[in-house]
Amino acid sequence: MLYDIPHRAGIPILEDSLIRLSDHPNIRAVKDAKGDVASSSYVMANSGLAYYAGDDAMLLPLLAVGGVGVVGTSTHFTGLAAREIIEHFLAGRVDEAVMANRHVLNAFRGVFATQGCMMVKATLGLRGFDVGPCRAPMGSSPTASPRPTPSCSRTWGTAPEGTIRRRHSLNV
């Protein structure tokens, strides 16, 4: 899987490069965090690469142009909701996918209020998991940084009443 994350690498992987790289037998997918759905659509149309949203909030838009899933940051605690978005969309229940997406959109966006792993650890900590601080040099989320609230943390990763048909139960 290629990681196309320009905000970390400094530049996106060029479309022509992605298309050429798709011929390599060990390259089958892209984690796409560039936020350019038209570019992603173009590469998918001209290669056999499977596209995964690398920016959680781009999951539904990327599915609409042929994406297949998400390799996300908030999915440490929104995984069930992300699965429901994908299942609804693939089953043709677009309205339900949109509703499920809207329900977790604050989590998809809020996880990047500061460095993503800080917010993930803070949210998991609020849910009772002993995850400890991030490794150096990050440490804990600074007190001046946005922090998830307990009420927000409880709803992140769940769907509105009546919209989810869970097959599995997960108490987190």
Protein backbone atom coordinates (compact mmCIF):
# COMPACT_ATOMS: atom_id res chain seq x y z
CA MET A 1 0.00 0.00 0.00
CA LEU A 2 1.32 3.38 -1.02
CA TYR A 3 0.77 6.19 1.47
CA ASP A 4 -0.14 9.38 -0.42
CA ILE A 5 -0.09 11.84 2.48
CA PRO A 6 1.18 15.21 1.19
CA HIS A 7 0.82 17.00 4.54
CA ARG A 8 3.44 14.59 5.93
CA ALA A 9 5.61 14.05 2.85
CA GLY A 10 5.47 17.62 1.56
CA ILE A 11 4.15 16.70 -1.90
CA PRO A 12 1.51 14.33 -3.29
CA ILE A 13 2.45 11.31 -5.36
CA LEU A 14 1.88 12.33 -8.97
CA GLU A 15 -1.00 10.68 -10.86
CA ASP A 16 1.32 9.35 -13.57
CA SER A 17 3.61 7.89 -10.92
CA LEU A 18 0.72 6.14 -9.18
CA ILE A 19 -0.49 4.69 -12.48
CA ARG A 20 3.00 3.44 -13.35
CA LEU A 21 3.52 2.04 -9.83
CA SER A 22 0.28 0.09 -10.15
CA ASP A 23 2.11 -2.27 -12.53
CA HIS A 24 4.37 -3.41 -9.68
CA PRO A 25 3.18 -6.77 -8.29
CA ASN A 26 3.60 -5.66 -4.67
CA ILE A 27 1.64 -2.42 -4.98
CA ARG A 28 -2.09 -3.03 -4.78
CA ALA A 29 -3.56 -0.07 -2.91
CA VAL A 30 -3.25 3.59 -1.92
CA LYS A 31 -3.95 5.28 1.39
CA ASP A 32 -5.19 8.58 -0.02
CA ALA A 33 -4.93 11.61 2.27
CA LYS A 34 -4.54 14.32 -0.34
CA GLY A 35 -8.22 15.31 -0.45
CA ASP A 36 -8.37 15.53 -4.24
CA VAL A 37 -11.24 13.24 -5.21
CA ALA A 38 -10.95 14.07 -8.91
CA SER A 39 -7.28 13.03 -8.94
CA SER A 40 -8.06 9.84 -7.01
CA SER A 41 -10.89 9.04 -9.42
CA TYR A 42 -8.56 9.54 -12.38
CA VAL A 43 -5.95 7.16 -10.97
CA MET A 44 -8.57 4.52 -10.13
CA ALA A 45 -9.95 4.76 -13.67
CA ASN A 46 -6.47 4.21 -15.13
CA SER A 47 -5.06 1.58 -12.78
CA GLY A 48 -6.04 -1.44 -10.76
CA LEU A 49 -5.25 0.25 -7.45
CA ALA A 50 -7.69 -0.05 -4.56
CA TYR A 51 -8.18 3.32 -2.86
CA TYR A 52 -8.63 3.76 0.88
CA ALA A 53 -9.45 7.11 2.47
CA GLY A 54 -6.49 8.22 4.54
CA ASP A 55 -8.43 11.24 5.77
CA ASP A 56 -11.38 9.86 7.71
CA ALA A 57 -13.78 12.60 6.54
CA MET A 58 -13.09 11.66 2.91
CA LEU A 59 -14.43 8.10 3.30
CA LEU A 60 -17.88 8.73 1.81
CA PRO A 61 -16.71 11.03 -1.01
CA LEU A 62 -14.01 8.51 -1.98
CA LEU A 63 -16.51 5.62 -1.95
CA ALA A 64 -18.61 7.64 -4.40
CA VAL A 65 -15.84 7.53 -7.02
CA GLY A 66 -14.77 3.91 -6.46
CA GLY A 67 -12.83 3.87 -3.19
CA VAL A 68 -13.05 0.70 -1.11
CA GLY A 69 -12.52 1.68 2.52
CA VAL A 70 -10.57 3.68 5.07
CA VAL A 71 -7.22 3.47 6.81
CA GLY A 72 -8.13 6.07 9.37
CA THR A 73 -7.03 7.79 12.51
CA SER A 74 -10.36 8.08 14.29
CA THR A 75 -11.26 4.52 13.34
CA HIS A 76 -9.61 3.42 16.58
CA PHE A 77 -12.96 4.48 18.06
CA THR A 78 -15.21 5.07 15.01
CA GLY A 79 -14.54 1.75 13.32
CA LEU A 80 -18.09 0.44 13.73
CA ALA A 81 -19.55 3.64 12.28
CA ALA A 82 -17.06 3.62 9.38
CA ARG A 83 -18.05 0.04 8.65
CA GLU A 84 -21.71 1.04 8.61
CA ILE A 85 -21.03 3.90 6.18
CA ILE A 86 -19.29 1.46 3.85
CA GLU A 87 -21.97 -1.23 4.19
CA HIS A 88 -24.83 1.22 3.58
CA PHE A 89 -23.09 2.74 0.58
CA LEU A 90 -22.18 -0.58 -1.03
CA ALA A 91 -25.76 -1.85 -0.52
CA GLY A 92 -27.09 1.21 -2.36
CA ARG A 93 -28.50 2.83 0.78
CA VAL A 94 -26.87 6.16 0.08
CA ASP A 95 -29.21 8.17 2.32
CA GLU A 96 -28.34 5.93 5.27
CA ALA A 97 -24.63 6.21 4.44
CA VAL A 98 -24.95 10.00 4.40
CA MET A 99 -26.79 9.98 7.74
CA ALA A 100 -24.19 7.69 9.35
CA ASN A 101 -21.40 9.88 7.94
CA ARG A 102 -22.99 13.03 9.36
CA HIS A 103 -23.25 11.39 12.76
CA VAL A 104 -19.50 10.79 13.02
CA LEU A 105 -18.28 13.76 10.98
CA ASN A 106 -17.28 15.70 14.12
CA ALA A 107 -15.10 12.77 15.17
CA PHE A 108 -13.65 12.38 11.68
CA ARG A 109 -12.69 16.07 11.71
CA GLY A 110 -12.04 16.52 15.44
CA VAL A 111 -9.36 13.86 15.61
CA PHE A 112 -7.14 16.30 13.71
CA ALA A 113 -7.75 19.26 16.08
CA THR A 114 -4.17 18.60 17.18
CA GLN A 115 -1.83 15.78 16.17
CA GLY A 116 -4.04 12.77 15.45
CA CYS A 117 -2.47 10.23 17.80
CA MET A 118 -2.83 12.67 20.71
CA MET A 119 -6.59 12.92 20.15
CA VAL A 120 -6.92 9.16 19.64
CA LYS A 121 -5.14 8.44 22.91
CA ALA A 122 -7.11 11.15 24.74
CA THR A 123 -10.42 9.75 23.46
CA LEU A 124 -9.50 6.15 24.26
CA GLY A 125 -8.42 7.31 27.72
CA LEU A 126 -11.84 8.91 28.25
CA ARG A 127 -13.37 5.58 27.31
CA GLY A 128 -11.43 3.83 30.07
CA PHE A 129 -8.47 2.42 28.14
CA ASP A 130 -5.05 2.83 29.77
CA VAL A 131 -3.16 3.90 26.64
CA GLY A 132 -0.60 6.21 28.22
CA PRO A 133 0.93 9.24 26.52
CA CYS A 134 2.35 9.41 23.02
CA ARG A 135 6.04 8.67 22.63
CA ALA A 136 8.55 11.51 22.69
CA PRO A 137 8.66 14.15 21.48
CA MET A 138 4.85 14.43 21.60
CA GLY A 139 3.89 13.16 25.05
CA SER A 140 0.39 14.00 26.26
CA SER A 141 -1.99 16.39 24.56
CA PRO A 142 -1.07 19.88 25.81
CA THR A 143 -3.68 21.48 28.04
CA ALA A 144 -4.04 24.33 25.53
CA SER A 145 -4.92 21.85 22.78
CA PRO A 146 -8.49 20.86 22.08
CA ARG A 147 -9.52 17.79 24.04
CA PRO A 148 -12.45 15.49 23.44
CA THR A 149 -15.15 15.81 26.07
CA PRO A 150 -16.57 12.70 27.76
CA SER A 151 -19.99 13.23 26.15
CA CYS A 152 -18.45 13.67 22.70
CA SER A 153 -16.22 10.66 23.27
CA ARG A 154 -19.22 8.45 24.06
CA THR A 155 -20.96 9.33 20.79
CA TRP A 156 -17.89 9.12 18.57
CA GLY A 157 -18.02 5.78 16.87
CA THR A 158 -21.72 5.15 17.36
CA ALA A 159 -24.58 5.81 15.01
CA PRO A 160 -27.92 7.49 15.60
CA GLU A 161 -30.56 5.31 17.23
CA GLY A 162 -32.21 2.99 14.75
CA THR A 163 -29.75 3.39 11.88
CA ILE A 164 -27.25 0.67 12.73
CA ARG A 165 -27.90 -3.02 12.40
CA ARG A 166 -24.96 -4.33 14.40
CA ARG A 167 -23.91 -7.93 13.99
CA HIS A 168 -21.29 -7.67 16.72
CA SER A 169 -21.25 -5.96 20.08
CA LEU A 170 -18.23 -4.04 21.26
CA ASN A 171 -18.19 -2.39 24.67
CA VAL A 172 -15.69 0.44 24.47
